Amino acid sequence: MGFKMLEKDILLVINPLASKGRGKDKAKSLGSYLEKHNRVFVIEYTRAKGHAEKIALDGARNGYKVIVAVGGDGTVNEVLNGIMRSGFSSSVKMGIIPVGRGNDFAWVCNIPKDMYKAVDLILKDNGKKTDVGLCCGDGHPDGMYFFNGAGFGFEPMVNFKAMEYKHLNGMPSYIMAFLFILRHPPKGFDLELTIDGEKRKLSTQQLSVANGIRMGSAFKMTPRALIDDGKFDVMFTNKIFTGVDLIALVFKFLKGDHVKDKVNFTYLKATEVEIDAKEANIPAHLDGEVFSKNLKRAKLNILPGAINLIR
């Protein structure tokens, strides 16, 4: 769908299953809106997991000026990976139209939830240098790029469970997942953490290495994070929470108040983080997508200003 190409202007990468299967309907509306603004565009629908990455990679190599992820955090992450692997990340601008389940990174970037307002933002063509994370680890020797953050432990467990509630979007799915996890509380895990060359051993229940403030549709795991400061925000628990304390922990994450508690939480900035869990099998996600369900080792690096994001 789109105009006959006069120049390669805008490529829309659309998840047709987004917004409870209304992705194609939204695509038609987007096409009509872009036509009114006399913009040259092409729409490509994703057909399977990983397809958005290939579409974005090919689009960047074929000369598109703007590549837009239309979907949730998963689609955004795949498009990011495609652009970053293309070799043209410095010359392509990326846009986001949030129509997914969580839309955490769009929220972090103040990208409007209203589809047409999000398009208006893209039409302004104001790309800003934005930091990107790279995580290499078990099963991912070449690594995966991420925008928002990486989570290890408790929060990924909630996130993975929320994915099973496909009939729910956003916060309701996470509430249901948390109620399940509360009945099966996660154990802590021992690991060696190397932060900018400094090693420390710890027993923790949750580790977040983030570029953005919010994960899991509502949890402000790293409330002081900035997406363009060239640093990760790193947060981890210093104790294992159970029962009532675990419930209180969730409310702290919702508000971002946990950073005030310097006894039970550690919060700092870093450019490189290495994880060595050895005996533990840690659930891990990047931008809400499964990175590993039994991680043992990983290395994360921040890539300052690595992509031009329209925001």
C-alpha atoms as a PDB file:
ATOM      1  CA  MET A   1       0.000   0.000   0.000  1.00  0.00           C
ATOM      2  CA  GLY A   2       1.287   3.510  -0.769  1.00  0.00           C
ATOM      3  CA  PHE A   3       2.247   5.882  -3.553  1.00  0.00           C
ATOM      4  CA  LYS A   4       4.376   4.988  -6.518  1.00  0.00           C
ATOM      5  CA  MET A   5       7.849   5.641  -5.177  1.00  0.00           C
ATOM      6  CA  LEU A   6       9.355   8.953  -6.280  1.00  0.00           C
ATOM      7  CA  GLU A   7      11.950   8.717  -3.550  1.00  0.00           C
ATOM      8  CA  LYS A   8      12.327   6.400  -0.613  1.00  0.00           C
ATOM      9  CA  ASP A   9      10.760   8.454   2.129  1.00  0.00           C
ATOM     10  CA  ILE A  10       8.855   6.636   4.902  1.00  0.00           C
ATOM     11  CA  LEU A  11       8.721   2.883   5.571  1.00  0.00           C
ATOM     12  CA  LEU A  12       6.018   1.799   8.010  1.00  0.00           C
ATOM     13  CA  VAL A  13       6.714  -1.560   9.661  1.00  0.00           C
ATOM     14  CA  ILE A  14       3.374  -2.689  11.046  1.00  0.00           C
ATOM     15  CA  ASN A  15       2.532  -5.580  13.330  1.00  0.00           C
ATOM     16  CA  PRO A  16      -0.950  -6.620  12.118  1.00  0.00           C
ATOM     17  CA  LEU A  17      -1.597  -8.366  15.441  1.00  0.00           C
ATOM     18  CA  ALA A  18      -0.975  -5.215  17.479  1.00  0.00           C
ATOM     19  CA  SER A  19      -3.847  -3.488  19.250  1.00  0.00           C
ATOM     20  CA  LYS A  20      -5.685  -6.803  19.651  1.00  0.00           C
ATOM     21  CA  GLY A  21      -5.462  -7.637  15.948  1.00  0.00           C
ATOM     22  CA  ARG A  22      -6.479  -4.214  14.640  1.00  0.00           C
ATOM     23  CA  GLY A  23      -3.072  -3.478  13.113  1.00  0.00           C
ATOM     24  CA  LYS A  24      -4.289  -3.611   9.493  1.00  0.00           C
ATOM     25  CA  ASP A  25      -7.236  -1.321  10.209  1.00  0.00           C
ATOM     26  CA  LYS A  26      -4.862   1.174  11.742  1.00  0.00           C
ATOM     27  CA  ALA A  27      -2.591   0.839   8.703  1.00  0.00           C
ATOM     28  CA  LYS A  28      -5.404   1.955   6.396  1.00  0.00           C
ATOM     29  CA  SER A  29      -6.030   4.993   8.584  1.00  0.00           C
ATOM     30  CA  LEU A  30      -2.323   5.799   8.668  1.00  0.00           C
ATOM     31  CA  GLY A  31      -2.096   5.528   4.884  1.00  0.00           C
ATOM     32  CA  SER A  32      -5.008   7.914   4.350  1.00  0.00           C
ATOM     33  CA  TYR A  33      -3.527  10.389   6.819  1.00  0.00           C
ATOM     34  CA  LEU A  34      -0.107  10.347   5.136  1.00  0.00           C
ATOM     35  CA  GLU A  35      -1.676  10.760   1.707  1.00  0.00           C
ATOM     36  CA  LYS A  36      -3.388  13.930   2.935  1.00  0.00           C
ATOM     37  CA  HIS A  37       0.033  15.249   3.912  1.00  0.00           C
ATOM     38  CA  ASN A  38       1.498  14.354   0.502  1.00  0.00           C
ATOM     39  CA  ARG A  39       4.124  12.001   1.939  1.00  0.00           C
ATOM     40  CA  VAL A  40       5.637   9.114   0.016  1.00  0.00           C
ATOM     41  CA  PHE A  41       5.313   5.931   2.033  1.00  0.00           C
ATOM     42  CA  VAL A  42       5.304   2.154   1.887  1.00  0.00           C
ATOM     43  CA  ILE A  43       3.650  -0.224   4.362  1.00  0.00           C
ATOM     44  CA  GLU A  44       5.145  -3.605   5.213  1.00  0.00           C
ATOM     45  CA  TYR A  45       3.355  -6.066   7.498  1.00  0.00           C
ATOM     46  CA  THR A  46       5.250  -8.396   9.787  1.00  0.00           C
ATOM     47  CA  ARG A  47       4.464 -12.080   9.330  1.00  0.00           C
ATOM     48  CA  ALA A  48       6.366 -13.709  12.192  1.00  0.00           C
ATOM     49  CA  LYS A  49       8.633 -12.996  15.123  1.00  0.00           C
ATOM     50  CA  GLY A  50      11.873 -11.458  13.856  1.00  0.00           C
ATOM     51  CA  HIS A  51      10.352 -10.309  10.555  1.00  0.00           C
ATOM     52  CA  ALA A  52      10.237  -6.635  11.580  1.00  0.00           C
ATOM     53  CA  GLU A  53      14.015  -6.729  12.053  1.00  0.00           C
ATOM     54  CA  LYS A  54      14.546  -8.032   8.508  1.00  0.00           C
ATOM     55  CA  ILE A  55      12.145  -5.467   7.021  1.00  0.00           C
ATOM     56  CA  ALA A  56      13.923  -2.621   8.825  1.00  0.00           C
ATOM     57  CA  LEU A  57      17.387  -3.915   7.897  1.00  0.00           C
ATOM     58  CA  ASP A  58      16.453  -4.174   4.209  1.00  0.00           C
ATOM     59  CA  GLY A  59      14.710  -0.795   4.326  1.00  0.00           C
ATOM     60  CA  ALA A  60      17.748   0.954   5.780  1.00  0.00           C
ATOM     61  CA  ARG A  61      20.047  -0.628   3.183  1.00  0.00           C
ATOM     62  CA  ASN A  62      17.629   0.283   0.396  1.00  0.00           C
ATOM     63  CA  GLY A  63      17.708   3.974   1.207  1.00  0.00           C
ATOM     64  CA  TYR A  64      14.613   4.786   3.254  1.00  0.00           C
ATOM     65  CA  LYS A  65      15.008   8.056   5.148  1.00  0.00           C
ATOM     66  CA  VAL A  66      12.564   7.229   7.957  1.00  0.00           C
ATOM     67  CA  ILE A  67      11.630   3.774   9.265  1.00  0.00           C
ATOM     68  CA  VAL A  68       8.665   3.666  11.629  1.00  0.00           C
ATOM     69  CA  ALA A  69       7.760   0.877  14.048  1.00  0.00           C
ATOM     70  CA  VAL A  70       3.977   0.590  14.334  1.00  0.00           C
ATOM     71  CA  GLY A  71       3.256  -1.759  17.221  1.00  0.00           C
ATOM     72  CA  GLY A  72       4.358  -2.397  20.774  1.00  0.00           C
ATOM     73  CA  ASP A  73       7.735  -2.611  22.466  1.00  0.00           C
ATOM     74  CA  GLY A  74       8.527  -5.868  20.663  1.00  0.00           C
ATOM     75  CA  THR A  75       8.076  -4.338  17.214  1.00  0.00           C
ATOM     76  CA  VAL A  76      10.075  -1.279  18.296  1.00  0.00           C
ATOM     77  CA  ASN A  77      12.909  -3.527  19.490  1.00  0.00           C
ATOM     78  CA  GLU A  78      12.998  -5.516  16.246  1.00  0.00           C
ATOM     79  CA  VAL A  79      13.028  -2.388  14.079  1.00  0.00           C
ATOM     80  CA  LEU A  80      15.816  -0.969  16.232  1.00  0.00           C
ATOM     81  CA  ASN A  81      17.867  -4.156  15.752  1.00  0.00           C
ATOM     82  CA  GLY A  82      17.295  -4.073  12.000  1.00  0.00           C
ATOM     83  CA  ILE A  83      18.473  -0.473  11.671  1.00  0.00           C
ATOM     84  CA  MET A  84      21.470  -1.015  13.950  1.00  0.00           C
ATOM     85  CA  ARG A  85      22.609  -4.104  12.010  1.00  0.00           C
ATOM     86  CA  SER A  86      22.138  -2.422   8.619  1.00  0.00           C
ATOM     87  CA  GLY A  87      25.271  -0.289   8.789  1.00  0.00           C
ATOM     88  CA  PHE A  88      23.175   2.825   8.086  1.00  0.00           C
ATOM     89  CA  SER A  89      22.031   3.757  11.595  1.00  0.00           C
ATOM     90  CA  SER A  90      23.649   7.197  11.311  1.00  0.00           C
ATOM     91  CA  SER A  91      21.707   8.143   8.164  1.00  0.00           C
ATOM     92  CA  VAL A  92      18.271   6.683   8.962  1.00  0.00           C
ATOM     93  CA  LYS A  93      15.756   8.215  11.332  1.00  0.00           C
ATOM     94  CA  MET A  94      13.508   5.929  13.364  1.00  0.00           C
ATOM     95  CA  GLY A  95       9.940   6.716  14.378  1.00  0.00           C
ATOM     96  CA  ILE A  96       7.485   5.032  16.731  1.00  0.00           C
ATOM     97  CA  ILE A  97       3.691   4.828  16.550  1.00  0.00           C
ATOM     98  CA  PRO A  98       2.699   3.014  19.769  1.00  0.00           C
ATOM     99  CA  VAL A  99      -0.190   0.586  19.343  1.00  0.00           C
ATOM    100  CA  GLY A 100       1.014  -2.323  21.484  1.00  0.00           C
ATOM    101  CA  ARG A 101       0.481  -3.847  24.910  1.00  0.00           C
ATOM    102  CA  GLY A 102       2.975  -1.928  27.001  1.00  0.00           C
ATOM    103  CA  ASN A 103       4.494   0.883  24.894  1.00  0.00           C
ATOM    104  CA  ASP A 104       7.035   1.631  27.615  1.00  0.00           C
ATOM    105  CA  PHE A 105       9.697   3.286  25.490  1.00  0.00           C
ATOM    106  CA  ALA A 106       7.165   5.465  23.675  1.00  0.00           C
ATOM    107  CA  TRP A 107       5.991   6.625  27.114  1.00  0.00           C
ATOM    108  CA  VAL A 108       9.576   7.334  28.161  1.00  0.00           C
ATOM    109  CA  CYS A 109      10.074   9.455  25.006  1.00  0.00           C
ATOM    110  CA  ASN A 110       6.756  11.321  25.420  1.00  0.00           C
ATOM    111  CA  ILE A 111       5.551   9.990  22.079  1.00  0.00           C
ATOM    112  CA  PRO A 112       1.759  10.513  21.963  1.00  0.00           C
ATOM    113  CA  LYS A 113      -0.531   7.518  22.432  1.00  0.00           C
ATOM    114  CA  ASP A 114      -2.901   9.084  19.918  1.00  0.00           C
ATOM    115  CA  MET A 115      -1.956   7.592  16.570  1.00  0.00           C
ATOM    116  CA  TYR A 116      -2.442  10.755  14.526  1.00  0.00           C
ATOM    117  CA  LYS A 117      -0.493  12.897  16.967  1.00  0.00           C
ATOM    118  CA  ALA A 118       2.314  10.355  16.798  1.00  0.00           C
ATOM    119  CA  VAL A 119       2.261  10.668  12.984  1.00  0.00           C
ATOM    120  CA  ASP A 120       2.340  14.468  13.277  1.00  0.00           C
ATOM    121  CA  LEU A 121       5.487  14.121  15.376  1.00  0.00           C
ATOM    122  CA  ILE A 122       7.089  11.926  12.706  1.00  0.00           C
ATOM    123  CA  LEU A 123       6.156  14.424   9.981  1.00  0.00           C
ATOM    124  CA  LYS A 124       8.136  17.090  11.850  1.00  0.00           C
ATOM    125  CA  ASP A 125      11.166  14.903  11.090  1.00  0.00           C
ATOM    126  CA  ASN A 126      13.039  15.997  14.215  1.00  0.00           C
ATOM    127  CA  GLY A 127      15.487  13.167  14.854  1.00  0.00           C
ATOM    128  CA  LYS A 128      17.416  13.298  18.111  1.00  0.00           C
ATOM    129  CA  LYS A 129      20.487  11.317  19.077  1.00  0.00           C
ATOM    130  CA  THR A 130      19.377   8.557  21.424  1.00  0.00           C
ATOM    131  CA  ASP A 131      21.393   6.004  23.381  1.00  0.00           C
ATOM    132  CA  VAL A 132      21.139   2.302  22.570  1.00  0.00           C
ATOM    133  CA  GLY A 133      22.076  -0.685  24.720  1.00  0.00           C
ATOM    134  CA  LEU A 134      23.795  -3.836  23.478  1.00  0.00           C
ATOM    135  CA  CYS A 135      23.571  -7.111  25.393  1.00  0.00           C
ATOM    136  CA  CYS A 136      25.686 -10.167  24.535  1.00  0.00           C
ATOM    137  CA  GLY A 137      25.084 -13.391  26.399  1.00  0.00           C
ATOM    138  CA  ASP A 138      24.061 -17.035  26.380  1.00  0.00           C
ATOM    139  CA  GLY A 139      22.624 -17.910  22.990  1.00  0.00           C
ATOM    140  CA  HIS A 140      23.260 -14.420  21.585  1.00  0.00           C
ATOM    141  CA  PRO A 141      26.956 -14.221  20.660  1.00  0.00           C
ATOM    142  CA  ASP A 142      26.384 -11.225  18.357  1.00  0.00           C
ATOM    143  CA  GLY A 143      24.185  -9.578  20.940  1.00  0.00           C
ATOM    144  CA  MET A 144      20.815  -7.860  20.859  1.00  0.00           C
ATOM    145  CA  TYR A 145      20.249  -4.122  20.838  1.00  0.00           C
ATOM    146  CA  PHE A 146      17.704  -2.526  23.125  1.00  0.00           C
ATOM    147  CA  PHE A 147      16.224   0.893  23.766  1.00  0.00           C
ATOM    148  CA  ASN A 148      14.495   0.834  27.101  1.00  0.00           C
ATOM    149  CA  GLY A 149      16.210  -1.656  29.345  1.00  0.00           C
ATOM    150  CA  ALA A 150      17.218  -5.123  30.412  1.00  0.00           C
ATOM    151  CA  GLY A 151      15.653  -6.871  33.379  1.00  0.00           C
ATOM    152  CA  PHE A 152      16.893  -9.917  35.267  1.00  0.00           C
ATOM    153  CA  GLY A 153      14.960 -11.894  37.903  1.00  0.00           C
ATOM    154  CA  PHE A 154      11.632 -10.908  39.396  1.00  0.00           C
ATOM    155  CA  GLU A 155      10.455  -8.348  36.844  1.00  0.00           C
ATOM    156  CA  PRO A 156      11.050 -10.593  33.791  1.00  0.00           C
ATOM    157  CA  MET A 157       9.138 -13.375  35.543  1.00  0.00           C
ATOM    158  CA  VAL A 158       6.145 -11.039  35.811  1.00  0.00           C
ATOM    159  CA  ASN A 159       6.637  -9.870  32.229  1.00  0.00           C
ATOM    160  CA  PHE A 160       6.848 -13.377  30.759  1.00  0.00           C
ATOM    161  CA  LYS A 161       3.719 -14.429  32.644  1.00  0.00           C
ATOM    162  CA  ALA A 162       1.884 -11.299  31.434  1.00  0.00           C
ATOM    163  CA  MET A 163       2.587 -12.364  27.843  1.00  0.00           C
ATOM    164  CA  GLU A 164       0.402 -15.408  28.418  1.00  0.00           C
ATOM    165  CA  TYR A 165      -2.664 -13.211  29.018  1.00  0.00           C
ATOM    166  CA  LYS A 166      -3.088 -12.350  25.354  1.00  0.00           C
ATOM    167  CA  HIS A 167      -6.650 -11.119  25.844  1.00  0.00           C
ATOM    168  CA  LEU A 168      -5.399  -8.329  28.106  1.00  0.00           C
ATOM    169  CA  ASN A 169      -3.392  -5.219  27.264  1.00  0.00           C
ATOM    170  CA  GLY A 170      -1.102  -3.130  29.441  1.00  0.00           C
ATOM    171  CA  MET A 171      -1.522  -2.975  33.199  1.00  0.00           C
ATOM    172  CA  PRO A 172      -4.316  -5.615  33.583  1.00  0.00           C
ATOM    173  CA  SER A 173      -2.042  -8.318  32.150  1.00  0.00           C
ATOM    174  CA  TYR A 174       0.737  -7.378  34.588  1.00  0.00           C
ATOM    175  CA  ILE A 175      -1.639  -7.362  37.558  1.00  0.00           C
ATOM    176  CA  MET A 176      -2.775 -10.874  36.696  1.00  0.00           C
ATOM    177  CA  ALA A 177       0.832 -11.962  36.268  1.00  0.00           C
ATOM    178  CA  PHE A 178       1.867 -10.477  39.599  1.00  0.00           C
ATOM    179  CA  LEU A 179      -0.958 -12.244  41.429  1.00  0.00           C
ATOM    180  CA  PHE A 180       0.352 -15.497  39.984  1.00  0.00           C
ATOM    181  CA  ILE A 181       3.963 -14.714  40.909  1.00  0.00           C
ATOM    182  CA  LEU A 182       2.874 -13.769  44.431  1.00  0.00           C
ATOM    183  CA  ARG A 183       1.674 -17.349  44.906  1.00  0.00           C
ATOM    184  CA  HIS A 184       5.009 -18.612  43.514  1.00  0.00           C
ATOM    185  CA  PRO A 185       7.518 -16.050  44.845  1.00  0.00           C
ATOM    186  CA  PRO A 186      10.861 -15.967  43.058  1.00  0.00           C
ATOM    187  CA  LYS A 187      13.979 -17.000  44.882  1.00  0.00           C
ATOM    188  CA  GLY A 188      17.058 -14.822  44.911  1.00  0.00           C
ATOM    189  CA  PHE A 189      20.161 -15.603  42.890  1.00  0.00           C
ATOM    190  CA  ASP A 190      23.846 -15.217  43.608  1.00  0.00           C
ATOM    191  CA  LEU A 191      25.998 -13.528  41.017  1.00  0.00           C
ATOM    192  CA  GLU A 192      29.186 -11.628  40.384  1.00  0.00           C
ATOM    193  CA  LEU A 193      28.460  -8.232  38.909  1.00  0.00           C
ATOM    194  CA  THR A 194      31.188  -6.172  37.253  1.00  0.00           C
ATOM    195  CA  ILE A 195      30.230  -2.529  36.835  1.00  0.00           C
ATOM    196  CA  ASP A 196      32.691  -0.418  34.841  1.00  0.00           C
ATOM    197  CA  GLY A 197      35.473  -2.782  35.872  1.00  0.00           C
ATOM    198  CA  GLU A 198      34.571  -2.947  39.570  1.00  0.00           C
ATOM    199  CA  LYS A 199      33.588  -6.446  40.723  1.00  0.00           C
ATOM    200  CA  ARG A 200      31.042  -7.117  43.440  1.00  0.00           C
ATOM    201  CA  LYS A 201      29.326 -10.273  44.655  1.00  0.00           C
ATOM    202  CA  LEU A 202      25.684 -10.103  45.625  1.00  0.00           C
ATOM    203  CA  SER A 203      22.522 -12.038  46.289  1.00  0.00           C
ATOM    204  CA  THR A 204      19.594 -10.298  44.646  1.00  0.00           C
ATOM    205  CA  GLN A 205      16.046 -10.807  43.442  1.00  0.00           C
ATOM    206  CA  GLN A 206      15.966  -8.160  40.734  1.00  0.00           C
ATOM    207  CA  LEU A 207      18.577  -6.460  38.574  1.00  0.00           C
ATOM    208  CA  SER A 208      17.688  -3.723  36.087  1.00  0.00           C
ATOM    209  CA  VAL A 209      20.107  -2.218  33.569  1.00  0.00           C
ATOM    210  CA  ALA A 210      18.165   0.517  31.863  1.00  0.00           C
ATOM    211  CA  ASN A 211      18.227   3.403  29.439  1.00  0.00           C
ATOM    212  CA  GLY A 212      14.601   4.386  30.113  1.00  0.00           C
ATOM    213  CA  ILE A 213      12.564   4.953  33.255  1.00  0.00           C
ATOM    214  CA  ARG A 214       9.724   2.441  32.973  1.00  0.00           C
ATOM    215  CA  MET A 215       9.327  -1.263  32.265  1.00  0.00           C
ATOM    216  CA  GLY A 216       6.409  -3.667  32.389  1.00  0.00           C
ATOM    217  CA  SER A 217       3.857  -1.018  31.453  1.00  0.00           C
ATOM    218  CA  ALA A 218       4.019   0.662  34.859  1.00  0.00           C
ATOM    219  CA  PHE A 219       7.111  -0.195  36.906  1.00  0.00           C
ATOM    220  CA  LYS A 220       9.523   2.727  37.280  1.00  0.00           C
ATOM    221  CA  MET A 221      12.531   0.547  37.880  1.00  0.00           C
ATOM    222  CA  THR A 222      15.082   3.276  37.121  1.00  0.00           C
ATOM    223  CA  PRO A 223      13.276   6.593  37.714  1.00  0.00           C
ATOM    224  CA  ARG A 224      16.393   8.742  37.239  1.00  0.00           C
ATOM    225  CA  ALA A 225      17.307   7.336  33.824  1.00  0.00           C
ATOM    226  CA  LEU A 226      17.886   9.553  30.780  1.00  0.00           C
ATOM    227  CA  ILE A 227      17.854   8.248  27.212  1.00  0.00           C
ATOM    228  CA  ASP A 228      20.633  10.539  26.013  1.00  0.00           C
ATOM    229  CA  ASP A 229      23.179  10.792  28.855  1.00  0.00           C
ATOM    230  CA  GLY A 230      25.482   8.034  27.611  1.00  0.00           C
ATOM    231  CA  LYS A 231      24.914   5.987  30.770  1.00  0.00           C
ATOM    232  CA  PHE A 232      22.920   3.009  31.971  1.00  0.00           C
ATOM    233  CA  ASP A 233      21.004   3.304  35.214  1.00  0.00           C
ATOM    234  CA  VAL A 234      21.655   0.154  37.241  1.00  0.00           C
ATOM    235  CA  MET A 235      19.390  -0.938  40.087  1.00  0.00           C
ATOM    236  CA  PHE A 236      19.381  -4.118  42.158  1.00  0.00           C
ATOM    237  CA  THR A 237      17.793  -5.351  45.377  1.00  0.00           C
ATOM    238  CA  ASN A 238      20.017  -6.094  48.353  1.00  0.00           C
ATOM    239  CA  LYS A 239      17.574  -8.526  49.980  1.00  0.00           C
ATOM    240  CA  ILE A 240      15.051 -11.201  49.045  1.00  0.00           C
ATOM    241  CA  PHE A 241      11.452 -10.021  49.368  1.00  0.00           C
ATOM    242  CA  THR A 242       8.562 -12.370  50.208  1.00  0.00           C
ATOM    243  CA  GLY A 243       4.920 -12.126  51.279  1.00  0.00           C
ATOM    244  CA  VAL A 244       3.786  -8.668  52.372  1.00  0.00           C
ATOM    245  CA  ASP A 245       7.237  -7.249  51.647  1.00  0.00           C
ATOM    246  CA  LEU A 246       6.941  -8.442  48.054  1.00  0.00           C
ATOM    247  CA  ILE A 247       3.611  -6.652  47.679  1.00  0.00           C
ATOM    248  CA  ALA A 248       5.138  -3.496  49.145  1.00  0.00           C
ATOM    249  CA  LEU A 249       8.047  -3.869  46.719  1.00  0.00           C
ATOM    250  CA  VAL A 250       5.695  -3.758  43.742  1.00  0.00           C
ATOM    251  CA  PHE A 251       4.096  -0.532  44.980  1.00  0.00           C
ATOM    252  CA  LYS A 252       7.567   0.967  45.387  1.00  0.00           C
ATOM    253  CA  PHE A 253       8.407   0.014  41.807  1.00  0.00           C
ATOM    254  CA  LEU A 254       5.140   1.574  40.604  1.00  0.00           C
ATOM    255  CA  LYS A 255       6.077   4.898  42.177  1.00  0.00           C
ATOM    256  CA  GLY A 256       9.834   4.681  41.772  1.00  0.00           C
ATOM    257  CA  ASP A 257      10.182   5.235  45.518  1.00  0.00           C
ATOM    258  CA  HIS A 258      12.559   2.316  46.026  1.00  0.00           C
ATOM    259  CA  VAL A 259      15.553   4.468  45.079  1.00  0.00           C
ATOM    260  CA  LYS A 260      15.136   6.364  48.365  1.00  0.00           C
ATOM    261  CA  ASP A 261      15.810   3.140  50.302  1.00  0.00           C
ATOM    262  CA  LYS A 262      19.599   2.854  50.177  1.00  0.00           C
ATOM    263  CA  VAL A 263      19.640  -0.135  52.535  1.00  0.00           C
ATOM    264  CA  ASN A 264      17.547  -2.555  50.487  1.00  0.00           C
ATOM    265  CA  PHE A 265      18.397  -1.191  47.029  1.00  0.00           C
ATOM    266  CA  THR A 266      21.531  -0.119  45.171  1.00  0.00           C
ATOM    267  CA  TYR A 267      21.244   2.460  42.385  1.00  0.00           C
ATOM    268  CA  LEU A 268      24.087   3.775  40.225  1.00  0.00           C
ATOM    269  CA  LYS A 269      25.204   4.834  36.739  1.00  0.00           C
ATOM    270  CA  ALA A 270      27.434   2.786  34.418  1.00  0.00           C
ATOM    271  CA  THR A 271      28.586   2.330  30.828  1.00  0.00           C
ATOM    272  CA  GLU A 272      29.380  -1.404  31.011  1.00  0.00           C
ATOM    273  CA  VAL A 273      27.863  -4.182  33.101  1.00  0.00           C
ATOM    274  CA  GLU A 274      28.946  -7.833  33.184  1.00  0.00           C
ATOM    275  CA  ILE A 275      26.863 -10.576  34.814  1.00  0.00           C
ATOM    276  CA  ASP A 276      28.232 -13.945  35.886  1.00  0.00           C
ATOM    277  CA  ALA A 277      25.573 -16.040  37.597  1.00  0.00           C
ATOM    278  CA  LYS A 278      27.413 -19.383  37.279  1.00  0.00           C
ATOM    279  CA  GLU A 279      25.021 -21.685  39.150  1.00  0.00           C
ATOM    280  CA  ALA A 280      21.840 -19.611  38.778  1.00  0.00           C
ATOM    281  CA  ASN A 281      19.444 -19.689  35.827  1.00  0.00           C
ATOM    282  CA  ILE A 282      18.084 -16.162  35.598  1.00  0.00           C
ATOM    283  CA  PRO A 283      15.099 -15.064  33.487  1.00  0.00           C
ATOM    284  CA  ALA A 284      16.103 -12.052  31.389  1.00  0.00           C
ATOM    285  CA  HIS A 285      14.368  -9.695  28.981  1.00  0.00           C
ATOM    286  CA  LEU A 286      15.356  -6.838  26.693  1.00  0.00           C
ATOM    287  CA  ASP A 287      12.616  -4.252  26.087  1.00  0.00           C
ATOM    288  CA  GLY A 288      10.095  -6.785  27.386  1.00  0.00           C
ATOM    289  CA  GLU A 289      11.158  -9.481  24.912  1.00  0.00           C
ATOM    290  CA  VAL A 290      12.633 -12.781  26.061  1.00  0.00           C
ATOM    291  CA  PHE A 291      16.437 -12.727  25.975  1.00  0.00           C
ATOM    292  CA  SER A 292      16.877 -15.874  28.056  1.00  0.00           C
ATOM    293  CA  LYS A 293      14.870 -17.919  30.536  1.00  0.00           C
ATOM    294  CA  ASN A 294      18.003 -19.369  32.107  1.00  0.00           C
ATOM    295  CA  LEU A 295      20.756 -16.792  31.724  1.00  0.00           C
ATOM    296  CA  LYS A 296      24.158 -17.414  33.277  1.00  0.00           C
ATOM    297  CA  ARG A 297      26.405 -14.811  31.672  1.00  0.00           C
ATOM    298  CA  ALA A 298      25.888 -11.498  29.882  1.00  0.00           C
ATOM    299  CA  LYS A 299      27.725  -8.298  29.025  1.00  0.00           C
ATOM    300  CA  LEU A 300      25.894  -5.018  28.455  1.00  0.00           C
ATOM    301  CA  ASN A 301      27.317  -1.860  26.894  1.00  0.00           C
ATOM    302  CA  ILE A 302      25.764   1.550  26.276  1.00  0.00           C
ATOM    303  CA  LEU A 303      26.201   3.044  22.788  1.00  0.00           C
ATOM    304  CA  PRO A 304      25.800   6.822  23.243  1.00  0.00           C
ATOM    305  CA  GLY A 305      23.687   8.591  20.615  1.00  0.00           C
ATOM    306  CA  ALA A 306      23.756   5.534  18.358  1.00  0.00           C
ATOM    307  CA  ILE A 307      20.456   6.207  16.588  1.00  0.00           C
ATOM    308  CA  ASN A 308      18.407   9.184  15.412  1.00  0.00           C
ATOM    309  CA  LEU A 309      14.974   8.791  17.011  1.00  0.00           C
ATOM    310  CA  ILE A 310      12.112  11.110  16.125  1.00  0.00           C
ATOM    311  CA  ARG A 311      10.784  12.298  19.470  1.00  0.00           C
END
